[in-house]
Every structure is written in C-alpha cells, then in structure tokens.
Amino acid sequence: MAARTSWVTDMPEVTRSTPREIEDATSAKVALDINKLCGIVGNSAALRRVLGNVRVVAPTDATVLVNGETGTGKELIAEAIHKCSKRSKGPFVKVNCAAIPTNLLESELFGHERGAFTGAIARRVGRFELASGGTVFLDEIGEMPLELQPKLLRVLQDRQFERLGDSRTLRSDARLIAATNRDLQAMVNEQKFRLDLYYRLNVFPVRVSALRERPEDIPLLVRHFVQQFSRRMNKSIDTIPSDIMNALVRHPWPGNVRELQNVIERAVIVSTGLILKLSMEELQLSADAPPVRSHGNGSLRATLEEAERQEIIAALEKTIGKIAGPNGAAALLGMSRSTLHSRMQKLGISVLRTATCR
C-alpha cells in the first residue's frame, strides 16, 4: 500500500482546456524548470515571458542582448541562458565593462604578452580564451569605449582576435551574452556606440521587466530573502505582517530586486523574534502613494493570492504533502506550521491522502 497525495483547491472544475490555458500552463512549467535550475524567484506573466525567451534562445549559439534597469537580475538571466544551453558544462566568464579602466579592458578581454606594456611582466590569457567552449558575459556593454568596439565586433563576426603585443591571430569559440541598462539605440544616434556592433549584439534581445511591473512577484521574493537571510543569521523569522507586505508591494522599487534584497537583509538584522520588523520611514513610503495595478485580469489582491497559492502548492509537491518538521512545507516556505495551515485554509488548499495499491 502506498500513500497517494493530491492537492485540491476551491476552484471551478474545468472540463476542457482552452489554447490560452494550455499556453499558460506550458509557460508556467518552463518558468518552474528554470526557477529550479537557476534560482530565479517569481511566477508573474512578465517573468514567465522572459524565461520563455531564455528557453527558446539557450540551445542556439546566438548572441543575446539583455536589457533592463539596474538591479533587475540581468546577470541571472544570462546565467540561465548559459545553464540551459549545450555549453552548460563550459565556463561562464563575467566581465563588467564599467568596472575596468579603459586602458586595461582590452587586455582583460583579449589578453597580452609579456612586455606588451609597462607592468606586463607575464603573459595573460584573456576572457575570450578562458571562455572557450562556454559563454562570455559582458555586463554594462554600453560603457565600452568606442576605440575598443571594433575589436569586439571582429570577434563577433570572424571569431578572431590577437593578444596585445602578439601578431598571432587566435580564434574564440565563446558565445557572447551582453547586458545593459542604457538605451543603445539612443547612444548610436548620439554617435556614442557603433551601429554595426549594436546590430551584432541585438540578434536576440531579452528585456527584463522592472520589479514595479510585476508586483505579484514581490511576496515570493520577500519570503525567499527572509528565509535566506534568516538561515545565514541563525534566526527563526516565520511571520511577515500583512501591513509590511502590503507596503513592500506598493513601493516603486527604483533599485528593483537588488534594493528589495538589501531592505529585507536590514529588516532581518534588526528583527529579534519570530516576526519580521521593518521601519516604514526607512522604506520612505508616502502615505498617498497610488496602489500598483496588476497587469493581468482581476485585482492585485487576487493576483497576489494566486501567486501565493501556487507557491504553497509547489512546496507541498516538493515535500510530498509533509507540512511540519525540518523538511516540511512550512520550513521550506519560511513560516510556522500554524501560519501555513491558516494560509492554506484561506486559499482553499487541502491535502488529501488516500490509501491505494500499487
């Protein structure tokens, strides 16, 4: 005899799936697979569209340009493309073009020979060589100086480059993924970025939505960060007050997920009990801030509740219906058993166990 576990929600029975429902279900499955593989948190329609694009382009060797505001997780998307590709066992080499001085960036990308310039006391292998068989991720590509852009264009077109101080031509087998928070088309118009390089980079553009455009992901991210930082700091925070959660959902988050992560880390640091504490003054919410509207059908509350329902059901599936204990769904979600029972009752989720013969 074996226990069969199923989850039942108080939802109307659907006798036949529509094409849109099938598409949504497929999109959700793709998102869940990539979420598990890459640690990307969220279940909004906007994020599912991004992850759908990841799934489409990953098996190819096409150059990808990831666009999005600062802090939206562009690097995570680039890593997801790499991990879902046939190059996943190869290296994923990251370069922040804004963090390296202009006179050193060429050497960083393509390498140099001993004596190529003052201070070059030994040969250095560049990032494109190191990434052979894998992926090079160029973050902040809009900060690359104009004089270096033709050399990057050559790598994209011909797969060829030379180390500084060496006349031998080397070949690169690395795939390129670039990211920027700047409008490269506007930079082209202002003659601050090469048009031919822009076309080469923009083969497959992926836009990562700002956090304010997908508010239904905020509760999932909040719980994820609370659980993450509580574990690191050896704390047992299992309750997030509804007024705090509502305030977090209403906040515009100009710094996006990175800002939210920092706010939750500070909140976990100052929280001394089981309940998360967060200063509204620190969050700088105005009393008359307009509510964030959902981009889907129905109210924001309904959208958030559906996102929470899916998160709880996923946790129950992962724990095979076990609620309590260190390996139960409550621990996985970062809440107490009683809180989880309460949320399940409110959302119409019940666990049914029936005995059946194998």
Protein backbone atom coordinates (compact mmCIF):
# COMPACT_ATOMS: atom_id res chain seq x y z
CA MET A 1 0.00 0.00 0.00
CA ALA A 2 1.32 3.46 -0.81
CA ALA A 3 0.04 6.91 0.01
CA ARG A 4 -1.13 8.99 -2.90
CA THR A 5 -1.12 12.71 -2.25
CA SER A 6 -3.13 15.30 -4.15
CA TRP A 7 -3.85 18.97 -3.67
CA VAL A 8 -7.35 20.31 -4.11
CA THR A 9 -8.22 23.99 -4.35
CA ASP A 10 -11.65 25.54 -4.24
CA MET A 11 -11.62 26.33 -7.94
CA PRO A 12 -14.33 25.58 -10.53
CA GLU A 13 -13.78 22.34 -12.43
CA VAL A 14 -12.50 22.80 -15.97
CA THR A 15 -13.69 20.19 -18.42
CA ARG A 16 -11.65 21.30 -21.43
CA SER A 17 -8.51 23.44 -21.57
CA THR A 18 -8.50 26.38 -23.95
CA PRO A 19 -5.42 27.12 -26.13
CA ARG A 20 -4.63 30.10 -23.87
CA GLU A 21 -4.80 27.89 -20.76
CA ILE A 22 -2.53 25.32 -22.39
CA GLU A 23 -0.08 28.09 -23.33
CA ASP A 24 -0.16 29.49 -19.78
CA ALA A 25 0.38 26.04 -18.29
CA THR A 26 3.32 25.38 -20.61
CA SER A 27 4.77 28.80 -19.79
CA ALA A 28 4.40 28.12 -16.07
CA LYS A 29 6.13 24.72 -16.44
CA VAL A 30 9.04 26.31 -18.34
CA ALA A 31 9.32 29.01 -15.67
CA LEU A 32 9.29 26.43 -12.86
CA ASP A 33 12.03 24.36 -14.53
CA ILE A 34 14.30 27.40 -14.99
CA ASN A 35 13.43 28.69 -11.50
CA LYS A 36 14.72 25.43 -10.02
CA LEU A 37 17.81 25.32 -12.21
CA CYS A 38 18.91 28.94 -11.79
CA GLY A 39 17.35 30.14 -8.54
CA ILE A 40 15.22 32.80 -10.21
CA VAL A 41 12.26 33.63 -7.95
CA GLY A 42 8.90 34.69 -9.38
CA ASN A 43 5.83 33.47 -11.22
CA SER A 44 4.43 36.60 -12.89
CA ALA A 45 3.39 36.63 -16.53
CA ALA A 46 6.18 39.14 -17.26
CA LEU A 47 8.85 36.89 -15.77
CA ARG A 48 7.42 33.80 -17.48
CA ARG A 49 7.73 35.60 -20.83
CA VAL A 50 11.40 36.32 -20.12
CA LEU A 51 12.07 32.71 -19.10
CA GLY A 52 10.23 31.54 -22.20
CA ASN A 53 12.67 33.57 -24.29
CA VAL A 54 15.53 32.02 -22.31
CA ARG A 55 14.28 28.54 -23.14
CA VAL A 56 13.98 29.42 -26.85
CA VAL A 57 17.40 31.03 -27.35
CA ALA A 58 19.51 28.94 -24.95
CA PRO A 59 20.02 25.89 -27.25
CA THR A 60 21.38 28.14 -30.01
CA ASP A 61 24.71 29.95 -30.17
CA ALA A 62 23.02 33.27 -30.97
CA THR A 63 24.32 36.46 -29.36
CA VAL A 64 21.88 37.76 -26.76
CA LEU A 65 21.43 41.34 -25.55
CA VAL A 66 19.75 41.53 -22.12
CA ASN A 67 18.13 44.91 -21.42
CA GLY A 68 16.73 46.13 -18.14
CA GLU A 69 17.00 48.64 -15.33
CA THR A 70 19.71 48.36 -12.69
CA GLY A 71 19.03 45.60 -10.19
CA THR A 72 16.52 43.62 -12.25
CA GLY A 73 18.67 40.48 -12.40
CA LYS A 74 20.17 40.67 -15.89
CA GLU A 75 23.16 38.58 -14.81
CA LEU A 76 20.83 35.84 -13.52
CA ILE A 77 19.09 35.75 -16.89
CA ALA A 78 22.46 35.48 -18.66
CA GLU A 79 23.44 32.60 -16.35
CA ALA A 80 20.09 30.93 -17.05
CA ILE A 81 20.77 31.07 -20.80
CA HIS A 82 24.19 29.51 -20.22
CA LYS A 83 22.90 26.77 -17.90
CA CYS A 84 20.12 25.83 -20.32
CA SER A 85 22.48 25.68 -23.29
CA LYS A 86 24.68 22.95 -24.72
CA ARG A 87 27.61 24.95 -23.30
CA SER A 88 26.43 24.49 -19.70
CA LYS A 89 29.45 22.36 -18.78
CA GLY A 90 31.81 25.02 -20.11
CA PRO A 91 32.91 28.17 -18.24
CA PHE A 92 30.69 31.19 -17.67
CA VAL A 93 33.10 34.13 -17.69
CA LYS A 94 31.85 37.53 -16.49
CA VAL A 95 33.29 40.96 -17.31
CA ASN A 96 31.88 44.24 -16.04
CA CYS A 97 32.87 46.78 -18.68
CA ALA A 98 32.17 49.69 -16.33
CA ALA A 99 34.43 48.38 -13.55
CA ILE A 100 37.65 48.03 -15.55
CA PRO A 101 39.74 51.05 -16.61
CA THR A 102 39.68 51.75 -20.35
CA ASN A 103 43.40 51.10 -20.80
CA LEU A 104 43.10 47.66 -19.17
CA LEU A 105 39.82 46.45 -20.68
CA GLU A 106 41.40 45.30 -23.97
CA SER A 107 43.93 43.20 -22.08
CA GLU A 108 41.17 41.81 -19.85
CA LEU A 109 39.13 40.69 -22.86
CA PHE A 110 41.86 39.51 -25.25
CA GLY A 111 44.96 39.01 -23.10
CA HIS A 112 48.52 40.27 -23.51
CA GLU A 113 52.08 39.03 -23.93
CA ARG A 114 54.91 39.73 -21.54
CA GLY A 115 56.30 43.21 -22.17
CA ALA A 116 53.28 44.35 -24.18
CA PHE A 117 53.08 47.44 -21.96
CA THR A 118 54.57 48.79 -18.75
CA GLY A 119 53.69 46.38 -15.94
CA ALA A 120 53.03 43.40 -18.23
CA ILE A 121 55.54 41.08 -16.51
CA ALA A 122 53.94 37.86 -17.71
CA ARG A 123 51.58 36.56 -20.37
CA ARG A 124 47.91 36.96 -19.52
CA VAL A 125 45.15 34.90 -21.07
CA GLY A 126 42.08 37.00 -21.91
CA ARG A 127 38.47 36.27 -21.03
CA PHE A 128 37.55 35.17 -24.55
CA GLU A 129 40.26 32.48 -24.38
CA LEU A 130 39.22 31.41 -20.89
CA ALA A 131 35.61 31.07 -22.04
CA SER A 132 36.39 28.68 -24.89
CA GLY A 133 33.53 26.19 -25.13
CA GLY A 134 31.45 28.33 -22.79
CA THR A 135 30.00 31.82 -22.53
CA VAL A 136 31.37 35.34 -22.09
CA PHE A 137 29.00 37.70 -20.30
CA LEU A 138 29.78 41.40 -20.89
CA ASP A 139 27.84 43.44 -18.36
CA GLU A 140 27.35 47.19 -18.85
CA ILE A 141 28.27 46.87 -22.53
CA GLY A 142 27.17 50.49 -23.08
CA GLU A 143 30.26 51.60 -21.11
CA MET A 144 32.71 50.00 -23.54
CA PRO A 145 34.91 52.73 -25.10
CA LEU A 146 34.41 53.44 -28.80
CA GLU A 147 38.02 52.62 -29.69
CA LEU A 148 37.63 49.06 -28.38
CA GLN A 149 34.29 48.33 -30.03
CA PRO A 150 35.75 47.40 -33.48
CA LYS A 151 37.80 44.63 -31.85
CA LEU A 152 34.72 43.21 -30.16
CA LEU A 153 32.89 43.43 -33.47
CA ARG A 154 35.66 41.40 -35.11
CA VAL A 155 35.29 38.66 -32.51
CA LEU A 156 31.55 38.51 -33.16
CA GLN A 157 31.94 38.48 -36.96
CA ASP A 158 35.07 36.40 -37.52
CA ARG A 159 35.72 34.76 -34.12
CA GLN A 160 39.26 36.17 -34.30
CA PHE A 161 41.45 38.38 -32.10
CA GLU A 162 45.08 39.00 -31.11
CA ARG A 163 46.62 39.35 -27.68
CA LEU A 164 48.25 42.70 -27.01
CA GLY A 165 51.89 42.52 -28.06
CA ASP A 166 51.38 39.44 -30.24
CA SER A 167 50.86 39.28 -34.01
CA ARG A 168 49.39 35.77 -34.00
CA THR A 169 45.69 35.54 -34.70
CA LEU A 170 43.69 33.43 -32.24
CA ARG A 171 40.17 32.10 -32.57
CA SER A 172 37.41 32.29 -30.00
CA ASP A 173 34.77 29.60 -29.54
CA ALA A 174 32.95 31.53 -26.81
CA ARG A 175 29.31 32.58 -27.03
CA LEU A 176 28.60 36.20 -26.17
CA ILE A 177 25.80 37.49 -23.95
CA ALA A 178 25.78 41.23 -23.25
CA ALA A 179 23.70 43.30 -20.86
CA THR A 180 22.98 46.98 -20.41
CA ASN A 181 20.67 49.34 -18.57
CA ARG A 182 21.24 52.03 -21.21
CA ASP A 183 19.39 52.74 -24.45
CA LEU A 184 21.96 51.60 -27.01
CA GLN A 185 19.83 52.82 -29.94
CA ALA A 186 19.89 56.33 -28.47
CA MET A 187 23.65 56.03 -27.96
CA VAL A 188 24.01 55.06 -31.62
CA ASN A 189 22.06 58.16 -32.63
CA GLU A 190 24.38 60.23 -30.44
CA GLN A 191 27.42 58.51 -32.03
CA LYS A 192 28.46 57.08 -28.65
CA PHE A 193 28.03 53.46 -29.75
CA ARG A 194 28.79 51.79 -33.09
CA LEU A 195 25.76 50.93 -35.21
CA ASP A 196 27.33 47.78 -36.66
CA LEU A 197 28.20 46.50 -33.18
CA TYR A 198 24.68 47.26 -31.96
CA TYR A 199 23.21 45.13 -34.76
CA ARG A 200 25.60 42.29 -33.97
CA LEU A 201 24.70 42.38 -30.27
CA ASN A 202 20.97 42.77 -30.79
CA VAL A 203 20.44 39.43 -32.56
CA PHE A 204 18.11 38.21 -29.81
CA PRO A 205 17.05 40.95 -27.36
CA VAL A 206 15.63 39.97 -23.96
CA ARG A 207 14.02 42.67 -21.82
CA VAL A 208 13.88 42.05 -18.07
CA SER A 209 10.89 43.82 -16.53
CA ALA A 210 11.30 46.25 -13.65
CA LEU A 211 10.02 44.98 -10.31
CA ARG A 212 7.22 47.57 -10.25
CA GLU A 213 5.89 45.99 -13.46
CA ARG A 214 5.49 42.59 -11.78
CA PRO A 215 4.28 43.29 -8.22
CA GLU A 216 2.84 39.79 -7.87
CA ASP A 217 6.44 38.51 -7.62
CA ILE A 218 7.23 40.70 -4.60
CA PRO A 219 5.68 38.43 -1.90
CA LEU A 220 7.57 35.44 -3.33
CA LEU A 221 10.84 37.40 -3.32
CA VAL A 222 10.23 38.73 0.20
CA ARG A 223 9.67 35.24 1.62
CA HIS A 224 12.69 33.93 -0.27
CA PHE A 225 15.00 36.64 1.07
CA VAL A 226 13.61 36.40 4.61
CA GLN A 227 14.26 32.66 4.61
CA GLN A 228 17.71 33.10 3.05
CA PHE A 229 18.94 35.75 5.46
CA SER A 230 17.31 34.12 8.49
CA ARG A 231 19.22 30.94 7.75
CA ARG A 232 22.50 32.85 7.35
CA MET A 233 21.99 34.75 10.61
CA ASN A 234 20.70 31.72 12.53
CA LYS A 235 17.29 33.31 13.12
CA SER A 236 13.79 31.83 13.01
CA ILE A 237 11.60 34.51 11.44
CA ASP A 238 8.39 32.84 10.29
CA THR A 239 5.85 35.68 10.12
CA ILE A 240 5.64 38.70 7.85
CA PRO A 241 2.91 41.14 9.00
CA SER A 242 0.35 41.94 6.32
CA ASP A 243 0.87 45.71 6.65
CA ILE A 244 4.58 45.25 5.96
CA MET A 245 3.91 43.00 2.97
CA ASN A 246 1.36 45.47 1.57
CA ALA A 247 3.85 48.32 1.98
CA LEU A 248 6.53 46.32 0.18
CA VAL A 249 4.15 45.56 -2.69
CA ARG A 250 3.19 49.24 -3.01
CA HIS A 251 6.76 50.53 -3.01
CA PRO A 252 8.01 51.58 -6.51
CA TRP A 253 11.45 49.93 -6.04
CA PRO A 254 13.64 52.15 -8.23
CA GLY A 255 16.55 49.82 -7.39
CA ASN A 256 14.45 46.77 -8.29
CA VAL A 257 15.24 43.32 -6.84
CA ARG A 258 18.65 44.40 -5.54
CA GLU A 259 17.04 47.18 -3.50
CA LEU A 260 14.38 44.80 -2.16
CA GLN A 261 17.08 42.31 -1.18
CA ASN A 262 19.00 44.97 0.75
CA VAL A 263 15.86 46.17 2.56
CA ILE A 264 14.95 42.62 3.63
CA GLU A 265 18.50 41.94 4.81
CA ARG A 266 18.40 45.01 7.06
CA ALA A 267 14.96 44.01 8.32
CA VAL A 268 16.18 40.52 9.24
CA ILE A 269 19.20 42.03 11.04
CA VAL A 270 17.02 44.20 13.31
CA SER A 271 14.32 41.57 13.90
CA THR A 272 14.82 39.78 17.22
CA GLY A 273 11.81 37.47 17.39
CA LEU A 274 9.72 35.37 15.05
CA ILE A 275 8.11 38.38 13.36
CA LEU A 276 9.81 40.45 10.66
CA LYS A 277 10.26 44.10 11.65
CA LEU A 278 10.55 46.85 9.07
CA SER A 279 10.52 50.62 9.52
CA MET A 280 8.11 52.38 7.19
CA GLU A 281 10.28 55.50 7.42
CA GLU A 282 13.24 53.56 6.11
CA LEU A 283 11.17 52.37 3.19
CA GLN A 284 10.22 56.00 2.53
CA LEU A 285 6.68 55.27 1.54
CA SER A 286 4.39 58.26 1.11
CA ALA A 287 1.00 57.98 2.73
CA ASP A 288 -0.78 58.85 -0.50
CA ALA A 289 1.26 56.59 -2.79
CA PRO A 290 -1.04 55.23 -5.52
CA PRO A 291 -1.56 51.47 -5.46
CA VAL A 292 0.29 49.40 -8.03
CA ARG A 293 -2.09 47.90 -10.56
CA SER A 294 -1.90 44.34 -11.74
CA HIS A 295 -1.11 43.78 -15.41
CA GLY A 296 -3.36 40.73 -15.57
CA ASN A 297 -7.09 40.24 -15.18
CA GLY A 298 -8.63 40.96 -11.79
CA SER A 299 -7.33 42.93 -8.86
CA LEU A 300 -3.81 42.97 -7.48
CA ARG A 301 -5.03 41.14 -4.38
CA ALA A 302 -6.39 38.28 -6.49
CA THR A 303 -3.13 38.11 -8.45
CA LEU A 304 -1.03 38.02 -5.28
CA GLU A 305 -3.24 35.35 -3.72
CA GLU A 306 -2.93 33.19 -6.83
CA ALA A 307 0.85 33.59 -6.75
CA GLU A 308 0.87 32.57 -3.08
CA ARG A 309 -1.41 29.62 -3.82
CA GLN A 310 0.97 28.35 -6.50
CA GLU A 311 3.96 28.79 -4.19
CA ILE A 312 2.31 26.76 -1.41
CA ILE A 313 1.20 24.01 -3.80
CA ALA A 314 4.75 23.79 -5.21
CA ALA A 315 6.14 23.44 -1.67
CA LEU A 316 3.62 20.71 -0.85
CA GLU A 317 4.54 18.85 -4.02
CA LYS A 318 8.24 19.10 -3.20
CA THR A 319 7.70 17.75 0.35
CA ILE A 320 5.14 15.12 -0.77
CA GLY A 321 2.46 16.64 1.43
CA LYS A 322 4.54 16.93 4.60
CA ILE A 323 3.74 20.19 6.39
CA ALA A 324 5.63 20.15 9.71
CA GLY A 325 9.21 19.29 10.59
CA PRO A 326 12.58 20.49 9.26
CA ASN A 327 11.87 19.04 5.81
CA GLY A 328 8.22 20.07 5.68
CA ALA A 329 6.49 22.64 3.50
CA ALA A 330 6.27 25.18 6.35
CA ALA A 331 10.06 25.19 6.80
CA LEU A 332 10.56 25.36 3.04
CA LEU A 333 8.31 28.44 2.86
CA GLY A 334 9.90 30.06 5.92
CA MET A 335 6.75 30.13 8.06
CA SER A 336 5.34 28.29 11.07
CA ARG A 337 3.07 25.27 10.73
CA SER A 338 0.10 27.18 12.13
CA THR A 339 0.67 30.06 9.71
CA LEU A 340 0.83 27.66 6.77
CA HIS A 341 -2.38 25.91 7.88
CA SER A 342 -4.06 29.32 8.12
CA ARG A 343 -2.90 30.36 4.65
CA MET A 344 -3.95 27.03 3.14
CA GLN A 345 -7.41 27.37 4.67
CA LYS A 346 -7.79 30.93 3.37
CA LEU A 347 -6.63 29.97 -0.13
CA GLY A 348 -8.75 26.81 -0.28
CA ILE A 349 -5.85 24.32 -0.35
CA SER A 350 -6.29 20.97 1.35
CA VAL A 351 -4.13 17.85 1.47
CA LEU A 352 -5.97 14.61 0.80
CA ARG A 353 -4.29 11.25 1.45
CA THR A 354 -5.95 8.05 0.31
CA ALA A 355 -4.60 4.51 0.51
CA THR A 356 -4.18 2.74 -2.80
CA CYS A 357 -2.49 -0.44 -4.02
CA ARG A 358 0.47 -0.19 -6.36
